[in-house]
Every structure is written in structure tokens, then in C-alpha cells.
């Protein structure tokens, strides 16, 4: 997702620096850098199957709480993935409306209003990618904790914090929650007993 995010930032830079002439701007599109656009979706089937079969009641409460939290994180990741694709669809619709060929170096002439709408939509796509990447990192940390034999929420949190620290995004979300602007997730303090 870092490749996709970098591409979005390239488009934002091109749109932001476009020369304004009256009520129009002229700018080239940005050729995509390449890289995979295939994302692996999170699955919730194991926990749902265990609940349906009545097996959750057999787990100790701390372990059931751990797996319930992992399932919650999975559900949120699925929601964030859907939101990412929806925001991408909105951006592509705005490109069509503005007649902006975002992926080719050909010059497009847009109104300032269309340019501003494209920047707004790109910001939404970028935020959605950040949110999805954060949720996937939480899932990665949770998975690592299960593999390590952790049986409680408190034991899982350090794994999730470590996974977030490996996330190489300058996060606006992190800044909103108290990190320094432009800081990575590793700069966020992890409150004891919460996520």
C-alpha cells in the first residue's frame, strides 16, 4: 500500500502545483509507478464458525476476550477496506467528471473547482489507505501474538504496538491522537489496557 499511497501523493503534488490561469489549471497526469494493487482481505470465518458451533463458551474468559477483540479488529479492517475502495471509486468518478486523465502525462485543463474537488477526493483516498494499513497492522500484531501463544488482551497489545511501529506512514491520524505532525505510528504512546 505504500506504492499506492506514494502515487496518490504524486497526484496531489501535481494538482497542487498546477499553474492557474484565470479559472483554469493545466497539468499533466502522473504515470503510475507500478506495483501490486492486489490486497488480501481479512477473514472472520473462524470466529464466526466457533460462535455458531457453541465452542466459544468452552474458552477461558480472557482467551475469549482476546479472540473477540481480534474478530472486532478484523471486522473494522473489512470496513476500512470497503471504505478505501469506495473513496477510490469517488475519486475516479471525479476524474471522469473533470475530464482529467490522471494516469497519462498528457496535459489536461481543469477548472480550479474541479482541481480542488480532485484534491479533496485524493485526500479521502489517502486517509482511507492509512486507516486500512493501520487496521492490517493491528491484525498482523494480533496474529503474531496468537502464534506466540498469548492468551490475553494485555499480552496482545505489545505485538500490535510493534506492528504499528513497523508501519512506515507519516500518519495524520497519529497526529490527531497526539503524535507529532508527520510522525509515524511508532511515536504514539499505547495506553495500558486499551487499544
N, C-alpha and C. Protein backbone atom coordinates (compact mmCIF):
# COMPACT_ATOMS: atom_id res chain seq x y z
N UNK A 1 0.81 -1.19 0.00
CA UNK A 1 0.00 0.00 0.00
C UNK A 1 0.86 1.26 0.00
N UNK A 2 2.11 1.11 0.32
CA UNK A 2 2.99 2.29 0.28
C UNK A 2 3.15 2.80 -1.14
N UNK A 3 3.18 1.89 -2.12
CA UNK A 3 3.29 2.30 -3.51
C UNK A 3 2.05 3.09 -3.93
N UNK A 4 0.88 2.61 -3.56
CA UNK A 4 -0.35 3.30 -3.91
C UNK A 4 -0.42 4.66 -3.21
N UNK A 5 -0.01 4.71 -1.97
CA UNK A 5 -0.04 5.97 -1.23
C UNK A 5 0.94 6.97 -1.84
N UNK A 6 2.13 6.51 -2.23
CA UNK A 6 3.11 7.40 -2.86
C UNK A 6 2.56 7.94 -4.18
N UNK A 7 1.85 7.11 -4.92
CA UNK A 7 1.25 7.56 -6.18
C UNK A 7 0.21 8.65 -5.92
N UNK A 8 -0.61 8.45 -4.92
CA UNK A 8 -1.61 9.46 -4.57
C UNK A 8 -0.93 10.77 -4.20
N UNK A 9 0.16 10.68 -3.44
CA UNK A 9 0.87 11.89 -3.07
C UNK A 9 1.49 12.59 -4.29
N UNK A 10 1.92 11.81 -5.29
CA UNK A 10 2.43 12.40 -6.53
C UNK A 10 1.32 13.15 -7.28
N UNK A 11 0.13 12.54 -7.33
CA UNK A 11 -1.00 13.22 -7.95
C UNK A 11 -1.36 14.49 -7.19
N UNK A 12 -1.35 14.42 -5.86
CA UNK A 12 -1.66 15.60 -5.06
C UNK A 12 -0.66 16.72 -5.33
N UNK A 13 0.62 16.37 -5.41
CA UNK A 13 1.65 17.37 -5.66
C UNK A 13 1.46 18.01 -7.04
N UNK A 14 1.14 17.20 -8.04
CA UNK A 14 0.94 17.72 -9.39
C UNK A 14 -0.28 18.65 -9.42
N UNK A 15 -1.36 18.24 -8.79
CA UNK A 15 -2.56 19.08 -8.76
C UNK A 15 -2.32 20.37 -7.98
N UNK A 16 -1.62 20.27 -6.86
CA UNK A 16 -1.37 21.45 -6.02
C UNK A 16 -0.46 22.47 -6.69
N UNK A 17 0.48 21.99 -7.50
CA UNK A 17 1.45 22.89 -8.12
C UNK A 17 1.07 23.32 -9.54
N UNK A 18 -0.10 22.91 -9.98
CA UNK A 18 -0.54 23.26 -11.34
C UNK A 18 -0.68 24.77 -11.48
N UNK A 19 -0.27 25.27 -12.64
CA UNK A 19 -0.32 26.70 -12.92
C UNK A 19 -1.77 27.13 -13.15
N UNK A 20 -2.19 28.13 -12.39
CA UNK A 20 -3.54 28.66 -12.51
C UNK A 20 -3.54 29.79 -13.54
N UNK A 21 -4.51 29.73 -14.44
CA UNK A 21 -4.70 30.79 -15.43
C UNK A 21 -6.19 31.15 -15.44
N UNK A 22 -6.53 32.22 -14.76
CA UNK A 22 -7.93 32.59 -14.62
C UNK A 22 -8.66 31.59 -13.73
N UNK A 23 -9.66 30.91 -14.29
CA UNK A 23 -10.42 29.92 -13.52
C UNK A 23 -10.02 28.50 -13.89
N UNK A 24 -8.92 28.34 -14.65
CA UNK A 24 -8.48 27.02 -15.09
C UNK A 24 -7.07 26.71 -14.61
N UNK A 25 -6.77 25.45 -14.59
CA UNK A 25 -5.41 24.97 -14.34
C UNK A 25 -5.08 23.95 -15.42
N UNK A 26 -3.82 23.92 -15.82
CA UNK A 26 -3.35 22.93 -16.79
C UNK A 26 -2.27 22.10 -16.15
N UNK A 27 -2.38 20.81 -16.31
CA UNK A 27 -1.40 19.93 -15.68
C UNK A 27 -1.39 18.58 -16.37
N UNK A 28 -0.26 17.87 -16.26
CA UNK A 28 -0.22 16.51 -16.78
C UNK A 28 -0.72 15.53 -15.73
N UNK A 29 -1.11 14.36 -16.18
CA UNK A 29 -1.37 13.28 -15.25
C UNK A 29 -0.05 12.71 -14.78
N UNK A 30 -0.10 11.73 -13.92
CA UNK A 30 1.10 11.09 -13.39
C UNK A 30 1.03 9.61 -13.72
N UNK A 31 2.00 9.14 -14.47
CA UNK A 31 2.03 7.72 -14.81
C UNK A 31 2.26 6.89 -13.55
N UNK A 32 1.41 5.90 -13.30
CA UNK A 32 1.59 5.06 -12.10
C UNK A 32 2.97 4.40 -12.11
N UNK A 33 3.54 4.25 -10.94
CA UNK A 33 4.88 3.67 -10.79
C UNK A 33 4.87 2.16 -10.93
N UNK A 34 3.75 1.57 -10.86
CA UNK A 34 3.69 0.10 -10.89
C UNK A 34 3.61 -0.44 -9.48
N UNK A 35 3.64 -1.72 -9.36
CA UNK A 35 3.50 -2.37 -8.05
C UNK A 35 2.15 -3.05 -7.99
N UNK A 36 1.99 -3.86 -7.01
CA UNK A 36 0.77 -4.64 -6.87
C UNK A 36 -0.37 -3.79 -6.34
N UNK A 37 -1.53 -3.97 -6.90
CA UNK A 37 -2.73 -3.32 -6.40
C UNK A 37 -3.69 -4.36 -5.83
N UNK A 38 -3.17 -5.53 -5.55
CA UNK A 38 -3.98 -6.61 -5.00
C UNK A 38 -3.80 -6.62 -3.49
N UNK A 39 -4.91 -6.49 -2.79
CA UNK A 39 -4.88 -6.51 -1.33
C UNK A 39 -5.53 -7.80 -0.86
N UNK A 40 -4.96 -8.39 0.16
CA UNK A 40 -5.52 -9.61 0.73
C UNK A 40 -6.51 -9.20 1.82
N UNK A 41 -7.74 -9.61 1.65
CA UNK A 41 -8.77 -9.24 2.61
C UNK A 41 -8.69 -10.11 3.85
N UNK A 42 -9.08 -9.52 4.95
CA UNK A 42 -9.13 -10.20 6.24
C UNK A 42 -10.37 -11.10 6.27
N UNK A 43 -10.27 -12.22 6.96
CA UNK A 43 -11.40 -13.14 7.08
C UNK A 43 -11.83 -13.26 8.54
N UNK A 44 -13.13 -13.35 8.75
CA UNK A 44 -13.67 -13.52 10.10
C UNK A 44 -14.29 -14.90 10.28
N UNK A 45 -14.17 -15.78 9.33
CA UNK A 45 -14.94 -17.02 9.33
C UNK A 45 -14.65 -17.94 10.52
N UNK A 46 -13.41 -18.00 10.99
CA UNK A 46 -13.08 -18.92 12.08
C UNK A 46 -13.85 -18.58 13.35
N UNK A 47 -13.82 -17.31 13.74
CA UNK A 47 -14.50 -16.89 14.97
C UNK A 47 -16.01 -17.04 14.83
N UNK A 48 -16.54 -16.67 13.69
CA UNK A 48 -17.99 -16.79 13.46
C UNK A 48 -18.42 -18.25 13.51
N UNK A 49 -17.62 -19.13 12.93
CA UNK A 49 -17.92 -20.57 12.97
C UNK A 49 -17.86 -21.11 14.39
N UNK A 50 -16.86 -20.66 15.15
CA UNK A 50 -16.73 -21.10 16.55
C UNK A 50 -17.92 -20.64 17.37
N UNK A 51 -18.38 -19.42 17.13
CA UNK A 51 -19.56 -18.92 17.85
C UNK A 51 -20.79 -19.74 17.49
N UNK A 52 -20.97 -19.99 16.21
CA UNK A 52 -22.15 -20.73 15.74
C UNK A 52 -22.17 -22.15 16.30
N UNK A 53 -20.99 -22.74 16.46
CA UNK A 53 -20.91 -24.12 16.96
C UNK A 53 -20.95 -24.19 18.50
N UNK A 54 -21.00 -23.04 19.16
CA UNK A 54 -21.03 -23.02 20.62
C UNK A 54 -19.68 -23.28 21.27
N UNK A 55 -18.61 -23.21 20.50
CA UNK A 55 -17.28 -23.52 21.02
C UNK A 55 -16.67 -22.37 21.83
N UNK A 56 -17.14 -21.17 21.63
CA UNK A 56 -16.59 -20.01 22.34
C UNK A 56 -16.82 -20.17 23.84
N UNK A 57 -17.95 -20.74 24.21
CA UNK A 57 -18.26 -20.92 25.64
C UNK A 57 -17.26 -21.83 26.34
N UNK A 58 -16.52 -22.63 25.58
CA UNK A 58 -15.55 -23.55 26.17
C UNK A 58 -14.22 -22.88 26.47
N UNK A 59 -14.00 -21.67 25.97
CA UNK A 59 -12.74 -20.97 26.17
C UNK A 59 -12.74 -20.24 27.52
N UNK A 60 -11.56 -20.12 28.15
CA UNK A 60 -11.46 -19.26 29.33
C UNK A 60 -11.82 -17.82 28.94
N UNK A 61 -12.36 -17.06 29.86
CA UNK A 61 -12.87 -15.72 29.52
C UNK A 61 -11.79 -14.79 28.95
N UNK A 62 -10.56 -14.85 29.47
CA UNK A 62 -9.52 -13.96 28.92
C UNK A 62 -9.18 -14.33 27.48
N UNK A 63 -9.20 -15.62 27.16
CA UNK A 63 -8.92 -16.05 25.80
C UNK A 63 -10.09 -15.71 24.87
N UNK A 64 -11.31 -15.87 25.35
CA UNK A 64 -12.48 -15.49 24.55
C UNK A 64 -12.45 -13.99 24.27
N UNK A 65 -12.05 -13.21 25.27
CA UNK A 65 -11.93 -11.76 25.08
C UNK A 65 -10.89 -11.41 24.04
N UNK A 66 -9.78 -12.13 24.06
CA UNK A 66 -8.72 -11.91 23.07
C UNK A 66 -9.25 -12.17 21.66
N UNK A 67 -9.89 -13.31 21.47
CA UNK A 67 -10.37 -13.66 20.14
C UNK A 67 -11.53 -12.75 19.70
N UNK A 68 -12.35 -12.31 20.65
CA UNK A 68 -13.41 -11.36 20.31
C UNK A 68 -12.80 -10.04 19.82
N UNK A 69 -11.72 -9.59 20.46
CA UNK A 69 -11.06 -8.35 20.04
C UNK A 69 -10.42 -8.52 18.66
N UNK A 70 -9.82 -9.66 18.43
CA UNK A 70 -9.22 -9.92 17.11
C UNK A 70 -10.31 -9.91 16.05
N UNK A 71 -11.47 -10.51 16.37
CA UNK A 71 -12.58 -10.50 15.42
C UNK A 71 -13.08 -9.08 15.19
N UNK A 72 -13.14 -8.28 16.24
CA UNK A 72 -13.54 -6.88 16.09
C UNK A 72 -12.56 -6.14 15.17
N UNK A 73 -11.26 -6.35 15.38
CA UNK A 73 -10.25 -5.72 14.51
C UNK A 73 -10.41 -6.18 13.06
N UNK A 74 -10.74 -7.45 12.87
CA UNK A 74 -10.96 -7.96 11.52
C UNK A 74 -12.18 -7.30 10.88
N UNK A 75 -13.25 -7.17 11.65
CA UNK A 75 -14.46 -6.52 11.13
C UNK A 75 -14.16 -5.07 10.74
N UNK A 76 -13.39 -4.38 11.56
CA UNK A 76 -13.03 -2.99 11.26
C UNK A 76 -12.12 -2.92 10.02
N UNK A 77 -11.22 -3.87 9.87
CA UNK A 77 -10.34 -3.90 8.69
C UNK A 77 -11.17 -4.10 7.43
N UNK A 78 -12.15 -4.97 7.49
CA UNK A 78 -13.03 -5.19 6.34
C UNK A 78 -13.78 -3.91 6.01
N UNK A 79 -14.28 -3.22 7.03
CA UNK A 79 -14.97 -1.94 6.83
C UNK A 79 -14.02 -0.92 6.20
N UNK A 80 -12.79 -0.82 6.70
CA UNK A 80 -11.82 0.14 6.17
C UNK A 80 -11.43 -0.19 4.73
N UNK A 81 -11.36 -1.48 4.41
CA UNK A 81 -11.07 -1.86 3.02
C UNK A 81 -12.20 -1.41 2.11
N UNK A 82 -13.44 -1.66 2.53
CA UNK A 82 -14.59 -1.22 1.74
C UNK A 82 -14.57 0.30 1.55
N UNK A 83 -14.25 1.02 2.62
CA UNK A 83 -14.20 2.48 2.55
C UNK A 83 -13.09 2.95 1.60
N UNK A 84 -11.96 2.25 1.62
CA UNK A 84 -10.86 2.61 0.73
C UNK A 84 -11.32 2.49 -0.73
N UNK A 85 -11.96 1.38 -1.07
CA UNK A 85 -12.43 1.19 -2.45
C UNK A 85 -13.53 2.19 -2.81
N UNK A 86 -14.40 2.49 -1.88
CA UNK A 86 -15.45 3.48 -2.15
C UNK A 86 -14.84 4.85 -2.42
N UNK A 87 -13.86 5.25 -1.64
CA UNK A 87 -13.21 6.54 -1.87
C UNK A 87 -12.45 6.56 -3.19
N UNK A 88 -11.87 5.45 -3.55
CA UNK A 88 -11.20 5.36 -4.85
C UNK A 88 -12.22 5.51 -5.99
N UNK A 89 -13.37 4.86 -5.84
CA UNK A 89 -14.43 5.00 -6.85
C UNK A 89 -14.88 6.46 -6.98
N UNK A 90 -15.00 7.15 -5.85
CA UNK A 90 -15.41 8.56 -5.88
C UNK A 90 -14.36 9.42 -6.57
N UNK A 91 -13.08 9.13 -6.31
CA UNK A 91 -12.01 9.86 -6.99
C UNK A 91 -12.08 9.63 -8.50
N UNK A 92 -12.24 8.38 -8.92
CA UNK A 92 -12.31 8.07 -10.35
C UNK A 92 -13.53 8.73 -11.00
N UNK A 93 -14.64 8.80 -10.27
CA UNK A 93 -15.82 9.48 -10.80
C UNK A 93 -15.54 10.97 -10.97
N UNK A 94 -14.83 11.55 -10.02
CA UNK A 94 -14.48 12.97 -10.12
C UNK A 94 -13.53 13.21 -11.29
N UNK A 95 -12.59 12.28 -11.53
CA UNK A 95 -11.70 12.39 -12.69
C UNK A 95 -12.50 12.40 -13.98
N UNK A 96 -13.49 11.53 -14.06
CA UNK A 96 -14.34 11.46 -15.24
C UNK A 96 -15.13 12.75 -15.42
N UNK A 97 -15.68 13.25 -14.34
CA UNK A 97 -16.47 14.49 -14.38
C UNK A 97 -15.62 15.67 -14.83
N UNK A 98 -14.35 15.69 -14.39
CA UNK A 98 -13.44 16.80 -14.71
C UNK A 98 -12.68 16.59 -16.02
N UNK A 99 -12.88 15.44 -16.65
CA UNK A 99 -12.11 15.08 -17.86
C UNK A 99 -10.61 15.11 -17.59
N UNK A 100 -10.21 14.55 -16.45
CA UNK A 100 -8.80 14.52 -16.06
C UNK A 100 -8.28 13.11 -16.26
N UNK A 101 -7.33 12.96 -17.17
CA UNK A 101 -6.71 11.66 -17.42
C UNK A 101 -5.52 11.55 -16.47
N UNK A 102 -5.80 11.13 -15.26
CA UNK A 102 -4.83 11.16 -14.17
C UNK A 102 -3.59 10.28 -14.41
N UNK A 103 -3.69 9.26 -15.25
CA UNK A 103 -2.61 8.28 -15.37
C UNK A 103 -1.71 8.46 -16.58
N UNK A 104 -1.92 9.49 -17.35
CA UNK A 104 -1.07 9.71 -18.52
C UNK A 104 -0.43 11.09 -18.43
N UNK A 105 0.73 11.27 -19.04
CA UNK A 105 1.40 12.57 -18.96
C UNK A 105 0.81 13.64 -19.87
N UNK A 106 -0.28 13.33 -20.56
CA UNK A 106 -0.93 14.33 -21.41
C UNK A 106 -1.45 15.48 -20.56
N UNK A 107 -1.43 16.67 -21.10
CA UNK A 107 -1.89 17.86 -20.38
C UNK A 107 -3.42 17.90 -20.37
N UNK A 108 -3.97 18.11 -19.19
CA UNK A 108 -5.41 18.29 -19.03
C UNK A 108 -5.65 19.71 -18.54
N UNK A 109 -6.73 20.30 -18.99
CA UNK A 109 -7.12 21.62 -18.50
C UNK A 109 -8.39 21.44 -17.67
N UNK A 110 -8.32 21.84 -16.41
CA UNK A 110 -9.42 21.68 -15.47
C UNK A 110 -9.82 23.04 -14.93
N UNK A 111 -11.01 23.12 -14.42
CA UNK A 111 -11.36 24.33 -13.68
C UNK A 111 -10.70 24.23 -12.31
N UNK A 112 -10.52 25.36 -11.67
CA UNK A 112 -9.95 25.36 -10.32
C UNK A 112 -10.86 24.57 -9.38
N UNK A 113 -12.16 24.70 -9.57
CA UNK A 113 -13.11 23.95 -8.74
C UNK A 113 -12.92 22.44 -8.91
N UNK A 114 -12.76 21.98 -10.16
CA UNK A 114 -12.52 20.54 -10.38
C UNK A 114 -11.21 20.12 -9.73
N UNK A 115 -10.18 20.93 -9.88
CA UNK A 115 -8.89 20.61 -9.25
C UNK A 115 -9.04 20.48 -7.74
N UNK A 116 -9.76 21.41 -7.14
CA UNK A 116 -9.96 21.37 -5.69
C UNK A 116 -10.76 20.13 -5.28
N UNK A 117 -11.77 19.77 -6.07
CA UNK A 117 -12.55 18.56 -5.78
C UNK A 117 -11.67 17.31 -5.90
N UNK A 118 -10.79 17.28 -6.89
CA UNK A 118 -9.88 16.14 -7.05
C UNK A 118 -8.93 16.04 -5.85
N UNK A 119 -8.41 17.17 -5.39
CA UNK A 119 -7.54 17.16 -4.21
C UNK A 119 -8.29 16.66 -2.98
N UNK A 120 -9.53 17.08 -2.84
CA UNK A 120 -10.35 16.62 -1.71
C UNK A 120 -10.54 15.10 -1.78
N UNK A 121 -10.90 14.59 -2.96
CA UNK A 121 -11.11 13.15 -3.11
C UNK A 121 -9.82 12.37 -2.88
N UNK A 122 -8.69 12.89 -3.37
CA UNK A 122 -7.41 12.21 -3.14
C UNK A 122 -7.06 12.18 -1.66
N UNK A 123 -7.37 13.24 -0.95
CA UNK A 123 -7.13 13.26 0.49
C UNK A 123 -7.94 12.18 1.19
N UNK A 124 -9.18 11.99 0.74
CA UNK A 124 -10.02 10.95 1.32
C UNK A 124 -9.47 9.56 1.01
N UNK A 125 -8.97 9.36 -0.22
CA UNK A 125 -8.38 8.07 -0.58
C UNK A 125 -7.14 7.81 0.29
N UNK A 126 -6.30 8.83 0.43
CA UNK A 126 -5.08 8.66 1.22
C UNK A 126 -5.40 8.33 2.67
N UNK A 127 -6.37 9.02 3.24
CA UNK A 127 -6.77 8.73 4.62
C UNK A 127 -7.33 7.31 4.74
N UNK A 128 -8.12 6.89 3.76
CA UNK A 128 -8.68 5.54 3.78
C UNK A 128 -7.57 4.49 3.69
N UNK A 129 -6.56 4.74 2.88
CA UNK A 129 -5.43 3.81 2.80
C UNK A 129 -4.69 3.76 4.13
N UNK A 130 -4.47 4.91 4.75
CA UNK A 130 -3.82 4.94 6.06
C UNK A 130 -4.62 4.14 7.09
N UNK A 131 -5.94 4.34 7.10
CA UNK A 131 -6.77 3.62 8.06
C UNK A 131 -6.72 2.12 7.83
N UNK A 132 -6.80 1.71 6.58
CA UNK A 132 -6.75 0.29 6.25
C UNK A 132 -5.39 -0.30 6.62
N UNK A 133 -4.33 0.41 6.32
CA UNK A 133 -2.99 -0.07 6.68
C UNK A 133 -2.84 -0.19 8.19
N UNK A 134 -3.41 0.75 8.93
CA UNK A 134 -3.35 0.68 10.39
C UNK A 134 -4.10 -0.56 10.89
N UNK A 135 -5.27 -0.80 10.35
CA UNK A 135 -6.05 -1.98 10.78
C UNK A 135 -5.34 -3.27 10.42
N UNK A 136 -4.73 -3.32 9.23
CA UNK A 136 -3.98 -4.52 8.87
C UNK A 136 -2.79 -4.72 9.79
N UNK A 137 -2.16 -3.63 10.22
CA UNK A 137 -1.05 -3.76 11.17
C UNK A 137 -1.54 -4.28 12.51
N UNK A 138 -2.70 -3.81 12.95
CA UNK A 138 -3.28 -4.34 14.19
C UNK A 138 -3.55 -5.84 14.05
N UNK A 139 -4.05 -6.25 12.89
CA UNK A 139 -4.30 -7.68 12.66
C UNK A 139 -2.99 -8.46 12.63
N UNK A 140 -1.97 -7.90 12.00
CA UNK A 140 -0.66 -8.56 11.96
C UNK A 140 -0.13 -8.77 13.37
N UNK A 141 -0.21 -7.74 14.20
CA UNK A 141 0.24 -7.87 15.58
C UNK A 141 -0.57 -8.90 16.35
N UNK A 142 -1.88 -8.90 16.13
CA UNK A 142 -2.73 -9.88 16.80
C UNK A 142 -2.37 -11.30 16.36
N UNK A 143 -2.16 -11.48 15.07
CA UNK A 143 -1.77 -12.81 14.56
C UNK A 143 -0.45 -13.26 15.18
N UNK A 144 0.50 -12.34 15.24
CA UNK A 144 1.81 -12.67 15.83
C UNK A 144 1.66 -13.06 17.30
N UNK A 145 0.75 -12.39 18.01
CA UNK A 145 0.57 -12.72 19.42
C UNK A 145 -0.03 -14.11 19.58
N UNK A 146 -0.95 -14.49 18.73
CA UNK A 146 -1.56 -15.82 18.80
C UNK A 146 -0.51 -16.89 18.50
N UNK A 147 0.30 -16.64 17.48
CA UNK A 147 1.36 -17.60 17.13
C UNK A 147 2.34 -17.75 18.30
N UNK A 148 2.56 -16.65 19.03
CA UNK A 148 3.49 -16.68 20.18
C UNK A 148 2.85 -17.31 21.42
N UNK A 149 1.57 -17.67 21.34
CA UNK A 149 0.92 -18.33 22.47
C UNK A 149 0.29 -17.38 23.47
N UNK A 150 0.12 -16.13 23.12
CA UNK A 150 -0.51 -15.16 24.02
C UNK A 150 -1.98 -15.53 24.21
N UNK A 151 -2.46 -15.41 25.44
CA UNK A 151 -3.83 -15.81 25.75
C UNK A 151 -4.67 -14.69 26.34
N UNK A 152 -4.19 -13.43 26.27
CA UNK A 152 -4.95 -12.33 26.86
C UNK A 152 -4.79 -11.07 26.02
N UNK A 153 -5.73 -10.15 26.21
CA UNK A 153 -5.65 -8.86 25.52
C UNK A 153 -4.38 -8.11 25.90
N UNK A 154 -4.07 -8.09 27.20
CA UNK A 154 -2.89 -7.37 27.67
C UNK A 154 -1.61 -7.92 27.04
N UNK A 155 -1.58 -9.21 26.79
CA UNK A 155 -0.43 -9.82 26.14
C UNK A 155 -0.36 -9.51 24.65
N UNK A 156 -1.51 -9.25 24.05
CA UNK A 156 -1.55 -8.96 22.61
C UNK A 156 -1.10 -7.54 22.30
N UNK A 157 -1.39 -6.58 23.15
CA UNK A 157 -1.13 -5.17 22.85
C UNK A 157 0.31 -4.87 22.47
N UNK A 158 1.32 -5.42 23.14
CA UNK A 158 2.69 -5.13 22.70
C UNK A 158 2.98 -5.59 21.27
N UNK A 159 2.38 -6.69 20.86
CA UNK A 159 2.56 -7.17 19.49
C UNK A 159 1.91 -6.20 18.49
N UNK A 160 0.74 -5.70 18.85
CA UNK A 160 0.09 -4.73 17.98
C UNK A 160 0.88 -3.42 17.92
N UNK A 161 1.39 -2.99 19.05
CA UNK A 161 2.21 -1.77 19.07
C UNK A 161 3.44 -1.94 18.20
N UNK A 162 4.08 -3.10 18.27
CA UNK A 162 5.27 -3.37 17.45
C UNK A 162 4.90 -3.37 15.97
N UNK A 163 3.75 -3.94 15.63
CA UNK A 163 3.32 -3.96 14.22
C UNK A 163 3.03 -2.55 13.73
N UNK A 164 2.40 -1.73 14.55
CA UNK A 164 2.15 -0.34 14.17
C UNK A 164 3.46 0.42 14.00
N UNK A 165 4.44 0.12 14.86
CA UNK A 165 5.73 0.81 14.75
C UNK A 165 6.44 0.47 13.43
N UNK A 166 6.15 -0.70 12.88
CA UNK A 166 6.76 -1.09 11.59
C UNK A 166 6.05 -0.43 10.41
N UNK A 167 4.91 0.14 10.65
CA UNK A 167 4.15 0.80 9.60
C UNK A 167 4.87 2.09 9.26
N UNK A 168 5.25 2.23 8.02
CA UNK A 168 6.10 3.35 7.59
C UNK A 168 5.33 4.52 7.03
N UNK A 169 4.22 4.88 7.62
CA UNK A 169 3.43 6.00 7.13
C UNK A 169 3.60 7.18 8.06
N UNK A 170 3.68 8.36 7.51
CA UNK A 170 3.52 9.57 8.30
C UNK A 170 2.02 9.74 8.45
N UNK A 171 1.55 9.60 9.64
CA UNK A 171 0.12 9.47 9.85
C UNK A 171 -0.54 10.75 10.33
N UNK A 172 -1.53 11.21 9.56
CA UNK A 172 -2.35 12.31 10.04
C UNK A 172 -3.22 11.84 11.19
N UNK A 173 -3.64 10.58 11.15
CA UNK A 173 -4.43 10.03 12.24
C UNK A 173 -3.60 10.01 13.52
N UNK A 174 -2.32 9.62 13.41
CA UNK A 174 -1.44 9.63 14.57
C UNK A 174 -1.29 11.02 15.15
N UNK A 175 -1.17 12.03 14.28
CA UNK A 175 -1.06 13.41 14.74
C UNK A 175 -2.33 13.84 15.44
N UNK A 176 -3.47 13.40 14.94
CA UNK A 176 -4.75 13.76 15.55
C UNK A 176 -4.83 13.24 16.98
N UNK A 177 -4.28 12.04 17.21
CA UNK A 177 -4.34 11.44 18.54
C UNK A 177 -3.15 11.77 19.42
N UNK A 178 -2.39 12.77 19.06
CA UNK A 178 -1.35 13.23 19.97
C UNK A 178 0.07 13.01 19.51
N UNK A 179 0.30 12.34 18.39
CA UNK A 179 1.65 12.21 17.87
C UNK A 179 2.07 13.53 17.24
N UNK A 180 3.32 13.69 16.98
CA UNK A 180 3.80 14.90 16.32
C UNK A 180 3.37 14.87 14.85
N UNK A 181 3.00 16.03 14.29
CA UNK A 181 2.65 16.04 12.86
C UNK A 181 3.80 15.46 12.03
N UNK A 182 3.46 14.60 11.10
CA UNK A 182 4.47 13.97 10.25
C UNK A 182 5.18 12.82 10.93
N UNK A 183 4.72 12.43 12.12
CA UNK A 183 5.38 11.32 12.82
C UNK A 183 4.79 9.99 12.38
N UNK A 184 5.50 8.93 12.65
CA UNK A 184 4.99 7.61 12.31
C UNK A 184 4.23 7.05 13.50
N UNK A 185 3.57 5.92 13.30
CA UNK A 185 2.79 5.32 14.38
C UNK A 185 3.66 4.94 15.56
N UNK A 186 4.95 4.72 15.35
CA UNK A 186 5.80 4.31 16.48
C UNK A 186 5.95 5.43 17.50
N UNK A 187 5.54 6.66 17.14
CA UNK A 187 5.63 7.77 18.07
C UNK A 187 4.40 7.89 18.96
N UNK A 188 3.43 7.04 18.76
CA UNK A 188 2.21 7.08 19.58
C UNK A 188 2.43 6.26 20.85
N UNK A 189 1.99 6.81 21.95
CA UNK A 189 2.02 6.04 23.20
C UNK A 189 0.84 5.08 23.17
N UNK A 190 1.02 3.89 23.71
CA UNK A 190 -0.05 2.89 23.75
C UNK A 190 -0.58 2.84 25.17
N UNK A 191 -1.77 3.35 25.42
CA UNK A 191 -2.29 3.36 26.79
C UNK A 191 -2.43 1.95 27.35
N UNK A 192 -2.09 1.80 28.58
CA UNK A 192 -2.19 0.48 29.23
C UNK A 192 -3.64 0.03 29.25
N UNK A 193 -3.85 -1.20 28.83
CA UNK A 193 -5.18 -1.81 28.92
C UNK A 193 -6.18 -1.31 27.89
N UNK A 194 -5.72 -0.60 26.87
CA UNK A 194 -6.65 -0.17 25.81
C UNK A 194 -5.96 -0.25 24.48
N UNK A 195 -6.75 -0.08 23.42
CA UNK A 195 -6.19 -0.16 22.06
C UNK A 195 -6.46 1.10 21.33
